[in-house]
N, C-alpha and C. Protein backbone atom coordinates (compact mmCIF):
# COMPACT_ATOMS: atom_id res chain seq x y z
N PHE A 1 -23.88 26.09 75.70
CA PHE A 1 -23.29 24.77 75.89
C PHE A 1 -24.39 23.75 76.21
N PRO A 2 -24.20 22.48 75.79
CA PRO A 2 -25.22 21.45 76.02
C PRO A 2 -25.32 21.02 77.48
N ILE A 3 -26.45 21.27 78.10
CA ILE A 3 -26.68 20.84 79.48
C ILE A 3 -27.11 19.37 79.47
N ASP A 4 -28.13 19.06 78.70
CA ASP A 4 -28.56 17.67 78.53
C ASP A 4 -27.95 17.13 77.24
N ASP A 5 -26.97 16.25 77.39
CA ASP A 5 -26.23 15.75 76.23
C ASP A 5 -27.07 14.75 75.43
N ASP A 6 -27.86 15.31 74.50
CA ASP A 6 -28.68 14.47 73.63
C ASP A 6 -27.95 14.23 72.30
N ASP A 7 -27.50 15.33 71.71
CA ASP A 7 -26.72 15.25 70.47
C ASP A 7 -25.47 16.12 70.58
N LYS A 8 -24.89 16.18 71.79
CA LYS A 8 -23.74 17.06 72.01
C LYS A 8 -22.49 16.58 71.27
N ILE A 9 -22.48 15.30 70.89
CA ILE A 9 -21.34 14.75 70.15
C ILE A 9 -21.33 15.35 68.73
N VAL A 10 -22.51 15.43 68.13
CA VAL A 10 -22.63 15.96 66.77
C VAL A 10 -22.75 17.49 66.79
N GLY A 11 -23.07 18.03 67.96
CA GLY A 11 -23.13 19.49 68.09
C GLY A 11 -24.55 20.04 68.08
N GLY A 12 -25.56 19.14 68.13
CA GLY A 12 -26.94 19.61 68.16
C GLY A 12 -27.55 19.46 69.53
N TYR A 13 -28.01 20.55 70.09
CA TYR A 13 -28.58 20.51 71.45
C TYR A 13 -30.08 20.22 71.33
N THR A 14 -30.41 18.94 71.40
CA THR A 14 -31.80 18.52 71.19
C THR A 14 -32.64 18.77 72.45
N ASN A 15 -32.09 18.40 73.61
CA ASN A 15 -32.83 18.51 74.86
C ASN A 15 -32.92 19.96 75.34
N ARG A 16 -31.79 20.61 75.44
CA ARG A 16 -31.75 21.98 75.94
C ARG A 16 -31.51 22.94 74.76
């Protein structure tokens, strides 16, 4: 699951 919501809307976990 995305901890740092960088691209969590699109489903890509950029930060974490």
